[in-house]
Protein backbone atom coordinates (compact mmCIF):
# COMPACT_ATOMS: atom_id res chain seq x y z
CA UNK A 1 39.76 68.00 142.63
CA UNK A 2 36.63 70.01 142.18
CA UNK A 3 34.18 68.54 139.60
CA UNK A 4 31.13 70.45 140.36
CA UNK A 5 29.66 70.71 136.73
CA UNK A 6 26.21 71.01 138.19
CA UNK A 7 27.29 74.04 140.25
CA UNK A 8 29.05 75.64 137.22
CA UNK A 9 25.79 75.40 135.19
CA UNK A 10 23.91 77.10 138.16
CA UNK A 11 26.46 79.87 138.19
CA UNK A 12 26.05 80.35 134.49
CA UNK A 13 22.25 80.58 134.69
CA UNK A 14 22.15 83.06 137.51
CA UNK A 15 25.00 85.06 136.10
CA UNK A 16 23.41 85.41 132.61
CA UNK A 17 20.12 86.43 134.09
CA UNK A 18 21.81 89.15 136.09
CA UNK A 19 23.78 90.24 133.19
CA UNK A 20 20.68 90.52 130.89
CA UNK A 21 18.67 92.20 133.48
CA UNK A 22 21.24 94.91 133.72
CA UNK A 23 21.05 95.33 129.93
CA UNK A 24 24.54 93.79 129.48
CA UNK A 25 26.24 96.56 131.32
CA UNK A 26 27.37 96.68 134.90
CA UNK A 27 28.33 100.17 135.81
CA UNK A 28 30.54 101.13 138.67
CA UNK A 29 29.48 104.09 140.66
CA UNK A 30 32.43 106.51 140.27
CA UNK A 31 33.08 110.13 140.49
CA UNK A 32 30.89 112.33 138.19
CA UNK A 33 32.60 113.54 134.99
CA UNK A 34 34.94 110.52 134.58
CA UNK A 35 36.39 110.46 131.12
CA UNK A 36 39.37 107.93 130.64
CA UNK A 37 39.11 106.21 133.98
CA UNK A 38 35.93 105.73 136.06
CA UNK A 39 37.52 107.06 139.37
CA UNK A 40 40.61 109.30 139.67
CA UNK A 41 42.06 106.75 142.16
CA UNK A 42 42.53 104.29 139.34
CA UNK A 43 45.49 106.34 138.01
CA UNK A 44 47.65 104.72 140.82
CA UNK A 45 46.90 101.31 139.45
CA UNK A 46 47.63 102.40 135.93
CA UNK A 47 50.87 103.99 137.06
CA UNK A 48 52.06 100.98 139.03
CA UNK A 49 51.42 98.71 136.16
CA UNK A 50 53.17 101.07 133.67
CA UNK A 51 56.21 101.23 135.97
CA UNK A 52 56.21 97.43 136.11
CA UNK A 53 56.00 97.00 132.36
CA UNK A 54 58.92 99.37 131.85
CA UNK A 55 60.96 97.53 134.28
CA UNK A 56 60.29 94.23 132.41
CA UNK A 57 61.29 95.71 128.91
CA UNK A 58 64.09 98.09 129.65
CA UNK A 59 66.72 95.41 130.51
CA UNK A 60 66.23 94.07 126.93
CA UNK A 61 67.52 97.28 125.51
CA UNK A 62 69.50 99.01 128.25
CA UNK A 63 72.20 96.77 129.70
CA UNK A 64 72.46 99.09 132.77
CA UNK A 65 69.06 98.01 133.96
CA UNK A 66 70.30 94.40 134.24
CA UNK A 67 70.78 94.93 137.75
CA UNK A 68 69.70 93.07 141.05
CA UNK A 69 67.81 96.02 142.34
CA UNK A 70 65.84 96.42 139.10
CA UNK A 71 65.02 92.64 139.17
CA UNK A 72 63.84 92.75 142.85
CA UNK A 73 61.66 95.84 141.97
CA UNK A 74 60.16 93.97 138.94
CA UNK A 75 59.42 91.01 141.12
CA UNK A 76 57.61 93.16 143.72
CA UNK A 77 55.67 95.04 141.02
CA UNK A 78 54.72 91.75 139.47
CA UNK A 79 52.80 90.90 142.59
CA UNK A 80 51.16 94.33 142.45
CA UNK A 81 50.28 93.58 138.86
CA UNK A 82 48.48 90.49 139.96
CA UNK A 83 46.60 92.44 142.55
CA UNK A 84 45.52 95.00 139.81
CA UNK A 85 44.15 92.04 138.01
CA UNK A 86 42.11 91.13 140.95
CA UNK A 87 40.84 94.64 141.34
CA UNK A 88 40.13 95.04 137.68
CA UNK A 89 38.10 91.85 137.39
CA UNK A 90 35.89 93.07 140.20
CA UNK A 91 35.29 96.60 138.78
CA UNK A 92 36.51 98.04 135.35
CA UNK A 93 39.16 100.53 135.50
CA UNK A 94 38.28 102.53 132.27
CA UNK A 95 35.03 104.13 130.98
CA UNK A 96 35.53 102.34 127.66
CA UNK A 97 34.79 98.48 127.52
CA UNK A 98 37.38 98.22 124.66
CA UNK A 99 40.01 99.76 126.86
CA UNK A 100 39.05 97.55 129.82
CA UNK A 101 39.62 94.49 127.49
CA UNK A 102 42.94 95.66 126.41
CA UNK A 103 43.85 96.39 129.90
CA UNK A 104 43.23 92.72 130.68
CA UNK A 105 45.64 91.80 127.87
CA UNK A 106 48.35 94.10 129.31
CA UNK A 107 47.82 92.71 132.82
CA UNK A 108 48.00 89.19 131.38
CA UNK A 109 51.48 89.81 129.87
CA UNK A 110 52.69 90.97 133.34
CA UNK A 111 51.45 87.79 134.99
CA UNK A 112 51.94 85.35 132.23
CA UNK A 113 48.51 83.94 132.61
CA UNK A 114 45.03 85.14 131.30
CA UNK A 115 43.52 87.69 133.57
CA UNK A 116 40.00 86.44 132.84
CA UNK A 117 40.85 83.18 134.70
CA UNK A 118 40.02 85.27 137.76
CA UNK A 119 36.34 85.45 137.00
CA UNK A 120 35.54 81.68 137.65
CA UNK A 121 38.47 81.08 140.07
CA UNK A 122 38.18 84.13 142.27
CA UNK A 123 34.97 85.94 141.73
CA UNK A 124 32.78 82.88 141.42
CA UNK A 125 34.53 80.19 143.47
CA UNK A 126 36.93 81.71 146.03
CA UNK A 127 34.63 84.43 147.22
CA UNK A 128 32.16 81.75 148.27
CA UNK A 129 34.69 79.67 150.18
CA UNK A 130 32.82 76.33 150.50
CA UNK A 131 29.57 77.46 151.96
CA UNK A 132 27.69 76.04 148.98
CA UNK A 133 29.08 72.55 149.58
CA UNK A 134 31.79 72.74 146.89
CA UNK A 135 35.53 73.11 147.89
CA UNK A 136 37.52 76.32 147.22
CA UNK A 137 40.15 75.67 144.56
CA UNK A 138 42.46 77.91 146.70
CA UNK A 139 41.57 76.38 150.07
CA UNK A 140 44.57 76.52 152.56
CA UNK A 141 43.85 72.97 153.66
CA UNK A 142 45.18 71.74 150.30
CA UNK A 143 48.56 71.74 151.83
CA UNK A 144 49.23 69.95 155.07
CA UNK A 145 53.01 69.73 155.76
CA UNK A 146 54.03 69.84 159.32
CA UNK A 147 56.85 72.28 158.42
CA UNK A 148 54.79 75.31 157.83
CA UNK A 149 57.36 77.01 155.48
CA UNK A 150 56.92 74.13 153.14
CA UNK A 151 53.16 74.86 152.96
CA UNK A 152 53.94 78.40 151.86
CA UNK A 153 56.48 77.36 149.32
CA UNK A 154 54.32 74.48 147.75
CA UNK A 155 50.99 76.03 147.83
CA UNK A 156 51.07 77.48 144.27
CA UNK A 157 52.11 73.98 142.88
CA UNK A 158 48.74 72.67 144.30
CA UNK A 159 46.43 75.57 143.87
CA UNK A 160 47.66 76.51 140.45
CA UNK A 161 46.83 73.29 138.51
CA UNK A 162 43.61 72.87 140.47
CA UNK A 163 42.53 76.34 139.55
CA UNK A 164 43.34 76.18 135.88
CA UNK A 165 41.66 72.63 135.65
CA UNK A 166 38.62 74.14 137.19
CA UNK A 167 38.76 77.17 134.73
CA UNK A 168 38.83 74.75 131.72
CA UNK A 169 35.82 72.86 133.10
CA UNK A 170 34.00 76.15 133.60
CA UNK A 171 34.76 77.39 130.05
CA UNK A 172 33.63 74.02 128.64
CA UNK A 173 29.99 74.62 129.82
CA UNK A 174 29.72 78.39 130.32
CA UNK A 175 29.30 79.47 126.65
CA UNK A 176 29.15 82.97 127.90
CA UNK A 177 29.20 85.45 124.98
CA UNK A 178 32.69 86.79 124.41
CA UNK A 179 34.47 85.07 127.31
CA UNK A 180 36.20 82.42 125.12
CA UNK A 181 37.49 85.03 122.70
CA UNK A 182 38.71 87.40 125.46
CA UNK A 183 40.45 84.56 127.32
CA UNK A 184 42.26 83.35 124.25
CA UNK A 185 43.27 86.88 123.24
CA UNK A 186 44.82 87.21 126.62
CA UNK A 187 46.76 84.02 126.30
CA UNK A 188 47.90 84.97 122.72
CA UNK A 189 48.97 88.58 123.81
CA UNK A 190 50.74 87.47 127.13
CA UNK A 191 52.65 84.46 125.57
CA UNK A 192 53.11 86.04 122.19
CA UNK A 193 54.79 89.14 123.60
CA UNK A 194 56.82 87.12 126.11
CA UNK A 195 57.92 84.88 123.27
CA UNK A 196 59.20 87.84 121.26
CA UNK A 197 61.21 89.01 124.25
CA UNK A 198 62.75 85.53 124.39
CA UNK A 199 63.58 85.66 120.70
CA UNK A 200 65.12 89.03 121.02
CA UNK A 201 67.46 88.24 123.94
CA UNK A 202 66.83 84.77 125.45
CA UNK A 203 68.82 84.91 128.64
CA UNK A 204 68.02 88.49 129.44
CA UNK A 205 64.25 87.91 128.94
CA UNK A 206 64.28 84.62 130.90
CA UNK A 207 65.83 86.40 133.93
CA UNK A 208 64.37 89.91 133.83
CA UNK A 209 60.88 89.15 132.18
CA UNK A 210 59.85 85.58 132.72
CA UNK A 211 61.14 85.18 136.34
CA UNK A 212 59.36 88.27 137.62
CA UNK A 213 56.15 87.32 135.69
CA UNK A 214 56.15 83.88 137.45
CA UNK A 215 57.01 85.44 140.80
CA UNK A 216 53.81 87.58 140.79
CA UNK A 217 51.68 84.73 139.43
CA UNK A 218 52.80 82.38 142.23
CA UNK A 219 52.70 85.06 144.85
CA UNK A 220 49.06 85.94 144.25
CA UNK A 221 48.30 82.14 144.78
CA UNK A 222 50.18 82.30 148.00
CA UNK A 223 48.14 85.22 149.27
CA UNK A 224 45.17 82.95 149.47
CA UNK A 225 47.00 80.88 152.04
CA UNK A 226 48.30 83.83 153.92
CA UNK A 227 44.91 85.63 154.20
CA UNK A 228 42.81 82.57 155.11
CA UNK A 229 44.88 80.05 156.81
CA UNK A 230 43.71 79.40 160.46
CA UNK A 231 40.59 81.66 160.01
CA UNK A 232 36.90 80.63 160.25
CA UNK A 233 35.49 80.68 156.79
CA UNK A 234 32.04 79.93 158.14
CA UNK A 235 31.90 83.18 160.07
CA UNK A 236 30.74 86.57 158.66
CA UNK A 237 33.67 88.58 160.00
CA UNK A 238 36.59 86.30 160.93
CA UNK A 239 36.99 84.46 157.63
CA UNK A 240 40.05 86.49 156.47
CA UNK A 241 43.31 87.87 157.79
CA UNK A 242 44.01 91.64 157.12
CA UNK A 243 47.13 93.54 156.70
CA UNK A 244 46.48 97.17 157.59
CA UNK A 245 49.83 98.92 157.35
CA UNK A 246 49.32 102.22 155.47
CA UNK A 247 52.47 102.08 153.20
CA UNK A 248 51.67 98.48 152.24
CA UNK A 249 48.18 99.16 151.40
CA UNK A 250 49.05 102.29 149.23
CA UNK A 251 51.33 100.14 147.16
CA UNK A 252 49.06 97.16 146.96
CA UNK A 253 45.86 99.31 146.42
CA UNK A 254 44.20 98.27 149.70
CA UNK A 255 44.35 94.53 149.06
CA UNK A 256 45.26 94.09 152.74
CA UNK A 257 41.65 94.85 153.77
CA UNK A 258 40.39 91.45 152.74
CA UNK A 259 37.57 90.87 155.22
CA UNK A 260 35.42 93.78 154.08
CA UNK A 261 36.26 92.96 150.42
CA UNK A 262 34.70 89.53 150.82
CA UNK A 263 31.56 90.90 152.54
CA UNK A 264 31.09 93.85 150.32
CA UNK A 265 32.78 92.90 146.96
CA UNK A 266 30.93 95.68 145.23
CA UNK A 267 32.96 98.41 147.15
CA UNK A 268 35.76 100.09 145.16
CA UNK A 269 39.12 99.26 146.56
CA UNK A 270 39.63 102.95 147.67
CA UNK A 271 36.74 102.60 150.00
CA UNK A 272 38.00 99.60 151.91
CA UNK A 273 40.00 101.19 154.81
CA UNK A 274 37.16 103.32 156.01
CA UNK A 275 34.73 100.38 155.71
CA UNK A 276 37.22 98.13 157.58
CA UNK A 277 37.51 100.55 160.39
CA UNK A 278 33.76 100.99 160.62
CA UNK A 279 32.49 97.40 160.34
CA UNK A 280 35.36 94.93 160.63
CA UNK A 281 37.43 96.23 163.54
CA UNK A 282 34.67 95.84 166.12
CA UNK A 283 33.87 92.19 165.06
CA UNK A 284 37.25 90.65 164.16
CA UNK A 285 39.54 88.79 166.46
CA UNK A 286 42.61 90.99 166.99
CA UNK A 287 44.84 88.18 165.87
CA UNK A 288 43.41 88.57 162.33
CA UNK A 289 44.30 92.23 162.01
CA UNK A 290 48.08 92.42 161.21
CA UNK A 291 50.13 95.65 160.77
CA UNK A 292 52.91 94.20 158.87
CA UNK A 293 52.89 91.42 156.34
CA UNK A 294 56.58 90.83 156.57
CA UNK A 295 56.27 90.58 160.33
CA UNK A 296 53.52 88.01 159.99
CA UNK A 297 55.45 85.96 157.39
CA UNK A 298 58.62 85.95 159.61
CA UNK A 299 56.69 84.98 162.69
CA UNK A 300 54.55 82.35 161.04
CA UNK A 301 56.77 80.75 158.50
CA UNK A 302 60.41 81.63 159.33
CA UNK A 303 60.74 81.82 163.08
CA UNK A 304 58.56 78.62 163.84
CA UNK A 305 58.44 75.16 162.37
CA UNK A 306 54.89 73.93 162.88
CA UNK A 307 51.77 75.26 161.49
CA UNK A 308 49.80 77.40 164.05
CA UNK A 309 46.89 75.32 165.67
CA UNK A 310 43.23 76.27 165.11
CA UNK A 311 41.53 78.59 167.54
CA UNK A 312 38.23 80.19 168.01
CA UNK A 313 38.29 83.46 166.18
CA UNK A 314 34.55 84.20 166.07
CA UNK A 315 34.01 85.28 169.67
CA UNK A 316 34.47 89.04 168.81
CA UNK A 317 31.63 89.09 166.15
CA UNK A 318 29.32 87.39 168.68
CA UNK A 319 29.80 90.13 171.18
CA UNK A 320 29.49 93.03 168.81
CA UNK A 321 26.25 94.71 167.55
CA UNK A 322 24.90 92.99 164.55
CA UNK A 323 25.45 94.57 161.12
CA UNK A 324 23.14 93.43 158.48
CA UNK A 325 24.81 91.89 155.52
CA UNK A 326 23.27 90.48 152.31
CA UNK A 327 23.04 86.81 152.67
CA UNK A 328 25.90 84.83 150.89
CA UNK A 329 23.56 83.50 148.30
CA UNK A 330 22.59 86.95 147.04
CA UNK A 331 26.24 88.11 147.34
CA UNK A 332 27.05 85.19 145.09
CA UNK A 333 24.51 86.26 142.52
CA UNK A 334 25.54 89.84 142.48
CA UNK A 335 29.30 88.91 142.08
CA UNK A 336 28.55 86.47 139.26
CA UNK A 337 26.39 89.14 137.29
CA UNK A 338 28.83 92.05 137.79
CA UNK A 339 31.95 90.21 137.12
CA UNK A 340 30.82 88.63 133.90
CA UNK A 341 29.14 91.72 132.66
CA UNK A 342 32.29 93.84 133.38
CA UNK A 343 34.68 91.44 132.03
CA UNK A 344 33.34 89.89 128.80
CA UNK A 345 31.06 92.61 127.22
CA UNK A 346 32.45 93.93 124.07
């Protein structure tokens, strides 16, 4: 269990300094002339989340939608909703700060957890791995079953409680303006609306609302295991596994391009494929660039019993020309200042 209170205070100090130096606003470079959304690509995320929320609520009022196909689609879009949480907590979707805060509440309902939890758990902890001497709350090594499928199944049961315990400790010391109110408002909105659904039609809501919500919340935890297990988190380019299929990345808003996201967290998700081809491909071990996520899951967890052994995956980056990256300490400072400013300013 991570108890790095000293590190948390350091995070707060550097984050608040960056927030104030930016005048309390961290703008995202978008297309000129934006009005509702900062970039036109964001309508894809808005549309996917809207489709998901419709699939959650329709079965309550239209019995014809109480169908296995609708349920499977809702579970899949629940995972997408959790990815949109990830993207939105790195960069705001809307021009209006108020709209961004309400967007977090809507996303929280879809995941049945407060979206703002991503700030400490993902932006401030996971993005740094353990290079600062403190463990990642979602470290793949937290599960060590010999039967690898059990690692995939059980990982959310370990990473989830560890993450929310860390978030509570972070909140106890951060005192960042607006964060506590925003976090609690997301909890109230997510659980309040879900509670109303259960009161209206308990069994339908349990099956067609709560189960998809939990599916997405647990799946986004598992993606940490899938993207980082048997990689080299100490390297600059071989710390993540990528899934580069075009159709998959259209639906998951390029979340498959994970290496370049860690290295350049300020890039908008629409820019990741080109950055991956330009910077990552020449420096990554081919085994960490997967075309199909389903193929990888089948090969790694269903068609074999034991966990793959460790291997040296950093040789490719040692042979390729050097690309200058901002050092990890500066990347951490930038991520802290940007994520907190984007996500807690009224």
